[in-house]
Amino acid sequence: MEKTNYFLKVTGILMIIGGSFGFIFGFFVLLFGVLIGIAAIHNPAPGVEQVALLVETGVVLALVGTVIQFIAGIVGVKNADKPEKAKICIILGILNALFVLASLILDYIGGGIHNFYNVFLVLFGLLVPTLYLVGAYQNKAKE
């Protein structure tokens, strides 16, 4: 048995925590998007349907991303001492980073990125998957 890669293990734990919170909050935001869609049916104001669709699409994408983040975290924690499992950690880390970037693009399209707070959240959202990938590549180097 190899020595545990604590870098991968700690970032994996952070991803489990982030994925859990992201899923919980994403579920409530999805409900909000559905409510906007229902409001659009009963009160057809211009642009409401597009806003509802953008919110729902973004949230579904975010929920899928948080599930991937959660799974990546579990896989990283479980395999932090197994260099032969580094490839799956790398794949999950890249997938997670791609979902964060897709979320960033949707946020930009929706006009959400316009202040320091949102930019900070996006950068932090990319930081943990990036550090996770660093830990996964460290594990791969042990092979």
N, C-alpha and C. Protein backbone atom coordinates (compact mmCIF):
# COMPACT_ATOMS: atom_id res chain seq x y z
N MET A 1 0.84 -1.18 0.00
CA MET A 1 0.00 0.00 0.00
C MET A 1 0.89 1.25 0.00
N GLU A 2 0.55 2.15 -0.85
CA GLU A 2 1.30 3.40 -0.98
C GLU A 2 0.97 4.36 0.16
N LYS A 3 1.81 5.38 0.29
CA LYS A 3 1.56 6.44 1.25
C LYS A 3 0.38 7.28 0.75
N THR A 4 -0.50 7.68 1.66
CA THR A 4 -1.69 8.45 1.31
C THR A 4 -1.31 9.83 0.78
N ASN A 5 -1.95 10.22 -0.29
CA ASN A 5 -1.79 11.55 -0.87
C ASN A 5 -2.78 12.47 -0.17
N TYR A 6 -2.30 13.18 0.86
CA TYR A 6 -3.20 14.02 1.64
C TYR A 6 -3.73 15.20 0.84
N PHE A 7 -3.00 15.64 -0.15
CA PHE A 7 -3.46 16.74 -1.01
C PHE A 7 -4.74 16.32 -1.73
N LEU A 8 -4.73 15.13 -2.30
CA LEU A 8 -5.91 14.60 -2.98
C LEU A 8 -7.03 14.32 -1.99
N LYS A 9 -6.68 13.82 -0.83
CA LYS A 9 -7.69 13.48 0.17
C LYS A 9 -8.40 14.74 0.69
N VAL A 10 -7.65 15.79 1.00
CA VAL A 10 -8.24 17.03 1.52
C VAL A 10 -9.10 17.71 0.46
N THR A 11 -8.59 17.80 -0.77
CA THR A 11 -9.41 18.41 -1.83
C THR A 11 -10.63 17.55 -2.14
N GLY A 12 -10.49 16.23 -2.00
CA GLY A 12 -11.64 15.35 -2.17
C GLY A 12 -12.71 15.62 -1.11
N ILE A 13 -12.29 15.83 0.13
CA ILE A 13 -13.23 16.15 1.20
C ILE A 13 -13.91 17.49 0.91
N LEU A 14 -13.13 18.48 0.45
CA LEU A 14 -13.73 19.78 0.09
C LEU A 14 -14.74 19.63 -1.04
N MET A 15 -14.45 18.74 -1.98
CA MET A 15 -15.38 18.53 -3.08
C MET A 15 -16.65 17.81 -2.61
N ILE A 16 -16.52 16.91 -1.66
CA ILE A 16 -17.70 16.26 -1.10
C ILE A 16 -18.58 17.30 -0.41
N ILE A 17 -17.97 18.15 0.39
CA ILE A 17 -18.72 19.20 1.09
C ILE A 17 -19.36 20.16 0.08
N GLY A 18 -18.57 20.62 -0.88
CA GLY A 18 -19.09 21.54 -1.89
C GLY A 18 -20.19 20.91 -2.73
N GLY A 19 -20.03 19.66 -3.10
CA GLY A 19 -21.05 18.96 -3.87
C GLY A 19 -22.34 18.80 -3.08
N SER A 20 -22.21 18.52 -1.79
CA SER A 20 -23.40 18.38 -0.95
C SER A 20 -24.18 19.69 -0.86
N PHE A 21 -23.47 20.76 -0.53
CA PHE A 21 -24.13 22.07 -0.43
C PHE A 21 -24.67 22.51 -1.79
N GLY A 22 -23.90 22.29 -2.83
CA GLY A 22 -24.33 22.68 -4.17
C GLY A 22 -25.60 21.96 -4.58
N PHE A 23 -25.71 20.68 -4.23
CA PHE A 23 -26.91 19.93 -4.60
C PHE A 23 -28.12 20.44 -3.83
N ILE A 24 -27.95 20.69 -2.54
CA ILE A 24 -29.06 21.19 -1.73
C ILE A 24 -29.54 22.54 -2.24
N PHE A 25 -28.61 23.48 -2.43
CA PHE A 25 -28.99 24.81 -2.91
C PHE A 25 -29.51 24.76 -4.34
N GLY A 26 -28.91 23.92 -5.15
CA GLY A 26 -29.35 23.79 -6.54
C GLY A 26 -30.77 23.27 -6.64
N PHE A 27 -31.13 22.37 -5.76
CA PHE A 27 -32.49 21.85 -5.75
C PHE A 27 -33.49 22.96 -5.47
N PHE A 28 -33.18 23.83 -4.50
CA PHE A 28 -34.09 24.93 -4.18
C PHE A 28 -34.14 25.96 -5.31
N VAL A 29 -33.03 26.21 -5.95
CA VAL A 29 -33.03 27.15 -7.07
C VAL A 29 -33.80 26.56 -8.25
N LEU A 30 -33.70 25.25 -8.44
CA LEU A 30 -34.50 24.60 -9.49
C LEU A 30 -35.99 24.79 -9.22
N LEU A 31 -36.40 24.64 -7.98
CA LEU A 31 -37.79 24.89 -7.63
C LEU A 31 -38.18 26.34 -7.95
N PHE A 32 -37.27 27.26 -7.68
CA PHE A 32 -37.51 28.67 -8.00
C PHE A 32 -37.68 28.85 -9.51
N GLY A 33 -36.85 28.20 -10.29
CA GLY A 33 -36.97 28.27 -11.74
C GLY A 33 -38.29 27.71 -12.25
N VAL A 34 -38.74 26.63 -11.62
CA VAL A 34 -40.03 26.05 -11.99
C VAL A 34 -41.15 27.02 -11.64
N LEU A 35 -41.03 27.67 -10.50
CA LEU A 35 -42.05 28.67 -10.12
C LEU A 35 -42.08 29.83 -11.11
N ILE A 36 -40.92 30.25 -11.59
CA ILE A 36 -40.89 31.31 -12.61
C ILE A 36 -41.58 30.82 -13.87
N GLY A 37 -41.32 29.57 -14.24
CA GLY A 37 -41.98 29.00 -15.42
C GLY A 37 -43.48 28.95 -15.26
N ILE A 38 -43.96 28.58 -14.08
CA ILE A 38 -45.40 28.56 -13.82
C ILE A 38 -45.97 29.98 -13.90
N ALA A 39 -45.23 30.94 -13.35
CA ALA A 39 -45.67 32.33 -13.41
C ALA A 39 -45.74 32.81 -14.86
N ALA A 40 -44.81 32.34 -15.68
CA ALA A 40 -44.80 32.74 -17.09
C ALA A 40 -46.03 32.20 -17.82
N ILE A 41 -46.51 31.03 -17.40
CA ILE A 41 -47.70 30.46 -18.02
C ILE A 41 -48.94 31.29 -17.66
N HIS A 42 -49.02 31.69 -16.40
CA HIS A 42 -50.20 32.41 -15.93
C HIS A 42 -50.15 33.91 -16.19
N ASN A 43 -48.97 34.44 -16.40
CA ASN A 43 -48.81 35.87 -16.63
C ASN A 43 -47.75 36.06 -17.71
N PRO A 44 -48.14 35.92 -18.96
CA PRO A 44 -47.14 35.93 -20.04
C PRO A 44 -46.53 37.31 -20.29
N ALA A 45 -45.58 37.68 -19.46
CA ALA A 45 -44.84 38.92 -19.68
C ALA A 45 -43.70 38.64 -20.65
N PRO A 46 -43.30 39.64 -21.43
CA PRO A 46 -42.20 39.42 -22.38
C PRO A 46 -40.90 39.05 -21.67
N GLY A 47 -40.28 37.98 -22.12
CA GLY A 47 -38.97 37.58 -21.61
C GLY A 47 -38.99 36.66 -20.41
N VAL A 48 -40.13 36.47 -19.75
CA VAL A 48 -40.18 35.64 -18.56
C VAL A 48 -39.88 34.18 -18.90
N GLU A 49 -40.40 33.70 -20.01
CA GLU A 49 -40.15 32.32 -20.40
C GLU A 49 -38.66 32.08 -20.65
N GLN A 50 -37.98 33.05 -21.27
CA GLN A 50 -36.55 32.90 -21.53
C GLN A 50 -35.76 32.89 -20.22
N VAL A 51 -36.16 33.74 -19.28
CA VAL A 51 -35.48 33.76 -17.98
C VAL A 51 -35.68 32.42 -17.27
N ALA A 52 -36.90 31.92 -17.28
CA ALA A 52 -37.17 30.64 -16.64
C ALA A 52 -36.35 29.52 -17.27
N LEU A 53 -36.30 29.51 -18.59
CA LEU A 53 -35.53 28.48 -19.29
C LEU A 53 -34.04 28.58 -18.96
N LEU A 54 -33.52 29.79 -18.91
CA LEU A 54 -32.11 29.99 -18.57
C LEU A 54 -31.82 29.53 -17.15
N VAL A 55 -32.70 29.88 -16.21
CA VAL A 55 -32.51 29.46 -14.82
C VAL A 55 -32.58 27.94 -14.72
N GLU A 56 -33.58 27.34 -15.33
CA GLU A 56 -33.73 25.89 -15.24
C GLU A 56 -32.57 25.16 -15.90
N THR A 57 -32.12 25.63 -17.05
CA THR A 57 -30.99 25.00 -17.74
C THR A 57 -29.72 25.12 -16.90
N GLY A 58 -29.49 26.31 -16.37
CA GLY A 58 -28.31 26.52 -15.54
C GLY A 58 -28.32 25.67 -14.30
N VAL A 59 -29.47 25.55 -13.68
CA VAL A 59 -29.56 24.77 -12.45
C VAL A 59 -29.40 23.28 -12.72
N VAL A 60 -30.01 22.78 -13.78
CA VAL A 60 -29.84 21.37 -14.12
C VAL A 60 -28.36 21.08 -14.40
N LEU A 61 -27.72 21.97 -15.13
CA LEU A 61 -26.29 21.82 -15.39
C LEU A 61 -25.49 21.85 -14.09
N ALA A 62 -25.85 22.78 -13.20
CA ALA A 62 -25.16 22.87 -11.92
C ALA A 62 -25.40 21.62 -11.06
N LEU A 63 -26.61 21.10 -11.09
CA LEU A 63 -26.89 19.89 -10.32
C LEU A 63 -26.10 18.69 -10.83
N VAL A 64 -26.02 18.55 -12.13
CA VAL A 64 -25.20 17.47 -12.70
C VAL A 64 -23.74 17.68 -12.31
N GLY A 65 -23.29 18.93 -12.37
CA GLY A 65 -21.92 19.25 -11.97
C GLY A 65 -21.65 18.95 -10.51
N THR A 66 -22.62 19.24 -9.63
CA THR A 66 -22.40 18.96 -8.21
C THR A 66 -22.41 17.46 -7.93
N VAL A 67 -23.19 16.70 -8.68
CA VAL A 67 -23.15 15.24 -8.52
C VAL A 67 -21.78 14.72 -8.94
N ILE A 68 -21.27 15.23 -10.06
CA ILE A 68 -19.92 14.83 -10.49
C ILE A 68 -18.89 15.25 -9.46
N GLN A 69 -19.04 16.46 -8.91
CA GLN A 69 -18.12 16.95 -7.88
C GLN A 69 -18.16 16.04 -6.66
N PHE A 70 -19.34 15.66 -6.23
CA PHE A 70 -19.51 14.79 -5.08
C PHE A 70 -18.86 13.42 -5.33
N ILE A 71 -19.13 12.86 -6.50
CA ILE A 71 -18.55 11.55 -6.84
C ILE A 71 -17.02 11.65 -6.94
N ALA A 72 -16.53 12.72 -7.55
CA ALA A 72 -15.08 12.91 -7.65
C ALA A 72 -14.46 13.00 -6.27
N GLY A 73 -15.12 13.71 -5.36
CA GLY A 73 -14.60 13.82 -4.00
C GLY A 73 -14.51 12.46 -3.32
N ILE A 74 -15.56 11.67 -3.45
CA ILE A 74 -15.55 10.33 -2.83
C ILE A 74 -14.45 9.46 -3.44
N VAL A 75 -14.35 9.50 -4.77
CA VAL A 75 -13.33 8.70 -5.45
C VAL A 75 -11.93 9.17 -5.03
N GLY A 76 -11.74 10.49 -4.91
CA GLY A 76 -10.44 11.01 -4.50
C GLY A 76 -10.06 10.61 -3.08
N VAL A 77 -11.02 10.70 -2.16
CA VAL A 77 -10.74 10.31 -0.77
C VAL A 77 -10.47 8.81 -0.69
N LYS A 78 -11.28 8.04 -1.37
CA LYS A 78 -11.15 6.58 -1.32
C LYS A 78 -9.85 6.09 -1.94
N ASN A 79 -9.37 6.78 -2.99
CA ASN A 79 -8.20 6.31 -3.73
C ASN A 79 -6.97 7.19 -3.55
N ALA A 80 -6.92 7.95 -2.47
CA ALA A 80 -5.77 8.83 -2.24
C ALA A 80 -4.47 8.06 -2.02
N ASP A 81 -4.59 6.79 -1.67
CA ASP A 81 -3.39 5.98 -1.46
C ASP A 81 -3.20 4.92 -2.56
N LYS A 82 -3.91 5.11 -3.69
CA LYS A 82 -3.84 4.13 -4.78
C LYS A 82 -3.47 4.84 -6.09
N PRO A 83 -2.18 4.92 -6.40
CA PRO A 83 -1.76 5.60 -7.63
C PRO A 83 -2.35 5.00 -8.90
N GLU A 84 -2.68 3.72 -8.87
CA GLU A 84 -3.26 3.09 -10.07
C GLU A 84 -4.66 3.61 -10.38
N LYS A 85 -5.30 4.27 -9.43
CA LYS A 85 -6.64 4.84 -9.63
C LYS A 85 -6.58 6.34 -9.94
N ALA A 86 -5.40 6.86 -10.20
CA ALA A 86 -5.25 8.30 -10.46
C ALA A 86 -5.96 8.73 -11.73
N LYS A 87 -6.03 7.85 -12.73
CA LYS A 87 -6.63 8.22 -14.01
C LYS A 87 -8.11 8.58 -13.86
N ILE A 88 -8.86 7.82 -13.08
CA ILE A 88 -10.28 8.13 -12.88
C ILE A 88 -10.44 9.45 -12.12
N CYS A 89 -9.53 9.72 -11.19
CA CYS A 89 -9.57 11.01 -10.47
C CYS A 89 -9.31 12.17 -11.43
N ILE A 90 -8.38 11.98 -12.35
CA ILE A 90 -8.08 13.02 -13.33
C ILE A 90 -9.28 13.26 -14.23
N ILE A 91 -9.91 12.19 -14.69
CA ILE A 91 -11.08 12.33 -15.57
C ILE A 91 -12.21 13.06 -14.84
N LEU A 92 -12.50 12.66 -13.60
CA LEU A 92 -13.57 13.30 -12.83
C LEU A 92 -13.22 14.76 -12.51
N GLY A 93 -11.95 15.04 -12.24
CA GLY A 93 -11.53 16.42 -11.97
C GLY A 93 -11.69 17.31 -13.19
N ILE A 94 -11.35 16.78 -14.36
CA ILE A 94 -11.52 17.55 -15.61
C ILE A 94 -13.00 17.77 -15.90
N LEU A 95 -13.82 16.74 -15.73
CA LEU A 95 -15.26 16.89 -15.93
C LEU A 95 -15.83 17.96 -15.00
N ASN A 96 -15.41 17.92 -13.75
CA ASN A 96 -15.89 18.91 -12.79
C ASN A 96 -15.48 20.32 -13.20
N ALA A 97 -14.25 20.49 -13.61
CA ALA A 97 -13.79 21.82 -14.05
C ALA A 97 -14.57 22.28 -15.28
N LEU A 98 -14.89 21.37 -16.19
CA LEU A 98 -15.68 21.73 -17.38
C LEU A 98 -17.08 22.18 -16.99
N PHE A 99 -17.69 21.53 -16.01
CA PHE A 99 -19.01 21.96 -15.56
C PHE A 99 -18.95 23.32 -14.88
N VAL A 100 -17.88 23.59 -14.14
CA VAL A 100 -17.73 24.92 -13.53
C VAL A 100 -17.60 25.97 -14.63
N LEU A 101 -16.82 25.68 -15.67
CA LEU A 101 -16.68 26.63 -16.78
C LEU A 101 -18.00 26.83 -17.51
N ALA A 102 -18.76 25.75 -17.71
CA ALA A 102 -20.07 25.88 -18.36
C ALA A 102 -21.00 26.74 -17.52
N SER A 103 -20.94 26.57 -16.22
CA SER A 103 -21.74 27.39 -15.32
C SER A 103 -21.32 28.86 -15.41
N LEU A 104 -20.03 29.08 -15.51
CA LEU A 104 -19.51 30.45 -15.67
C LEU A 104 -20.04 31.08 -16.95
N ILE A 105 -20.04 30.33 -18.03
CA ILE A 105 -20.53 30.85 -19.32
C ILE A 105 -22.02 31.17 -19.23
N LEU A 106 -22.80 30.28 -18.64
CA LEU A 106 -24.24 30.54 -18.49
C LEU A 106 -24.48 31.75 -17.59
N ASP A 107 -23.68 31.88 -16.55
CA ASP A 107 -23.81 33.04 -15.66
C ASP A 107 -23.50 34.32 -16.41
N TYR A 108 -22.50 34.27 -17.26
CA TYR A 108 -22.14 35.44 -18.06
C TYR A 108 -23.26 35.79 -19.05
N ILE A 109 -23.81 34.78 -19.71
CA ILE A 109 -24.90 35.00 -20.66
C ILE A 109 -26.10 35.61 -19.94
N GLY A 110 -26.37 35.13 -18.74
CA GLY A 110 -27.49 35.64 -17.96
C GLY A 110 -27.23 36.97 -17.31
N GLY A 111 -26.03 37.51 -17.48
CA GLY A 111 -25.70 38.82 -16.90
C GLY A 111 -25.33 38.76 -15.44
N GLY A 112 -25.01 37.57 -14.94
CA GLY A 112 -24.73 37.42 -13.51
C GLY A 112 -23.33 37.82 -13.09
N ILE A 113 -22.37 37.83 -14.00
CA ILE A 113 -21.01 38.16 -13.62
C ILE A 113 -20.79 39.64 -13.87
N HIS A 114 -20.93 40.41 -12.83
CA HIS A 114 -20.77 41.84 -12.98
C HIS A 114 -20.17 42.48 -11.74
N ASN A 115 -19.87 41.70 -10.74
CA ASN A 115 -19.25 42.28 -9.55
C ASN A 115 -18.17 41.34 -9.01
N PHE A 116 -17.43 41.85 -8.06
CA PHE A 116 -16.30 41.12 -7.49
C PHE A 116 -16.76 39.83 -6.82
N TYR A 117 -17.89 39.86 -6.15
CA TYR A 117 -18.38 38.70 -5.42
C TYR A 117 -18.59 37.51 -6.36
N ASN A 118 -19.23 37.74 -7.48
CA ASN A 118 -19.47 36.64 -8.43
C ASN A 118 -18.18 36.12 -9.04
N VAL A 119 -17.26 37.02 -9.36
CA VAL A 119 -15.97 36.60 -9.90
C VAL A 119 -15.22 35.78 -8.86
N PHE A 120 -15.28 36.19 -7.60
CA PHE A 120 -14.64 35.45 -6.52
C PHE A 120 -15.21 34.04 -6.42
N LEU A 121 -16.55 33.93 -6.48
CA LEU A 121 -17.18 32.61 -6.40
C LEU A 121 -16.75 31.71 -7.54
N VAL A 122 -16.65 32.27 -8.73
CA VAL A 122 -16.24 31.47 -9.89
C VAL A 122 -14.79 31.02 -9.73
N LEU A 123 -13.93 31.94 -9.31
CA LEU A 123 -12.52 31.56 -9.13
C LEU A 123 -12.38 30.51 -8.03
N PHE A 124 -13.13 30.65 -6.95
CA PHE A 124 -13.08 29.64 -5.90
C PHE A 124 -13.64 28.33 -6.41
N GLY A 125 -14.69 28.42 -7.24
CA GLY A 125 -15.27 27.22 -7.83
C GLY A 125 -14.29 26.48 -8.72
N LEU A 126 -13.38 27.20 -9.34
CA LEU A 126 -12.35 26.57 -10.16
C LEU A 126 -11.12 26.16 -9.35
N LEU A 127 -10.92 26.79 -8.21
CA LEU A 127 -9.73 26.53 -7.40
C LEU A 127 -9.70 25.09 -6.87
N VAL A 128 -10.79 24.67 -6.26
CA VAL A 128 -10.81 23.34 -5.65
C VAL A 128 -10.64 22.24 -6.70
N PRO A 129 -11.37 22.28 -7.84
CA PRO A 129 -11.13 21.24 -8.86
C PRO A 129 -9.70 21.27 -9.41
N THR A 130 -9.13 22.46 -9.51
CA THR A 130 -7.75 22.57 -9.99
C THR A 130 -6.79 21.93 -8.99
N LEU A 131 -6.99 22.22 -7.71
CA LEU A 131 -6.13 21.61 -6.68
C LEU A 131 -6.34 20.10 -6.61
N TYR A 132 -7.58 19.67 -6.83
CA TYR A 132 -7.89 18.23 -6.88
C TYR A 132 -7.11 17.59 -8.02
N LEU A 133 -7.09 18.25 -9.18
CA LEU A 133 -6.33 17.72 -10.32
C LEU A 133 -4.84 17.66 -10.01
N VAL A 134 -4.33 18.65 -9.31
CA VAL A 134 -2.91 18.63 -8.91
C VAL A 134 -2.65 17.39 -8.05
N GLY A 135 -3.53 17.13 -7.09
CA GLY A 135 -3.38 15.94 -6.24
C GLY A 135 -3.50 14.66 -7.05
N ALA A 136 -4.41 14.62 -8.02
CA ALA A 136 -4.56 13.42 -8.85
C ALA A 136 -3.31 13.18 -9.69
N TYR A 137 -2.75 14.26 -10.24
CA TYR A 137 -1.52 14.11 -11.03
C TYR A 137 -0.35 13.72 -10.13
N GLN A 138 -0.31 14.19 -8.89
CA GLN A 138 0.72 13.75 -7.95
C GLN A 138 0.60 12.24 -7.72
N ASN A 139 -0.63 11.77 -7.59
CA ASN A 139 -0.85 10.34 -7.41
C ASN A 139 -0.39 9.55 -8.63
N LYS A 140 -0.69 10.09 -9.80
CA LYS A 140 -0.29 9.43 -11.04
C LYS A 140 1.23 9.34 -11.14
N ALA A 141 1.92 10.37 -10.65
CA ALA A 141 3.38 10.38 -10.70
C ALA A 141 4.00 9.28 -9.84
N LYS A 142 3.26 8.76 -8.88
CA LYS A 142 3.75 7.69 -8.01
C LYS A 142 3.73 6.32 -8.68
N GLU A 143 3.02 6.19 -9.83
CA GLU A 143 2.90 4.90 -10.51
C GLU A 143 4.25 4.37 -10.93
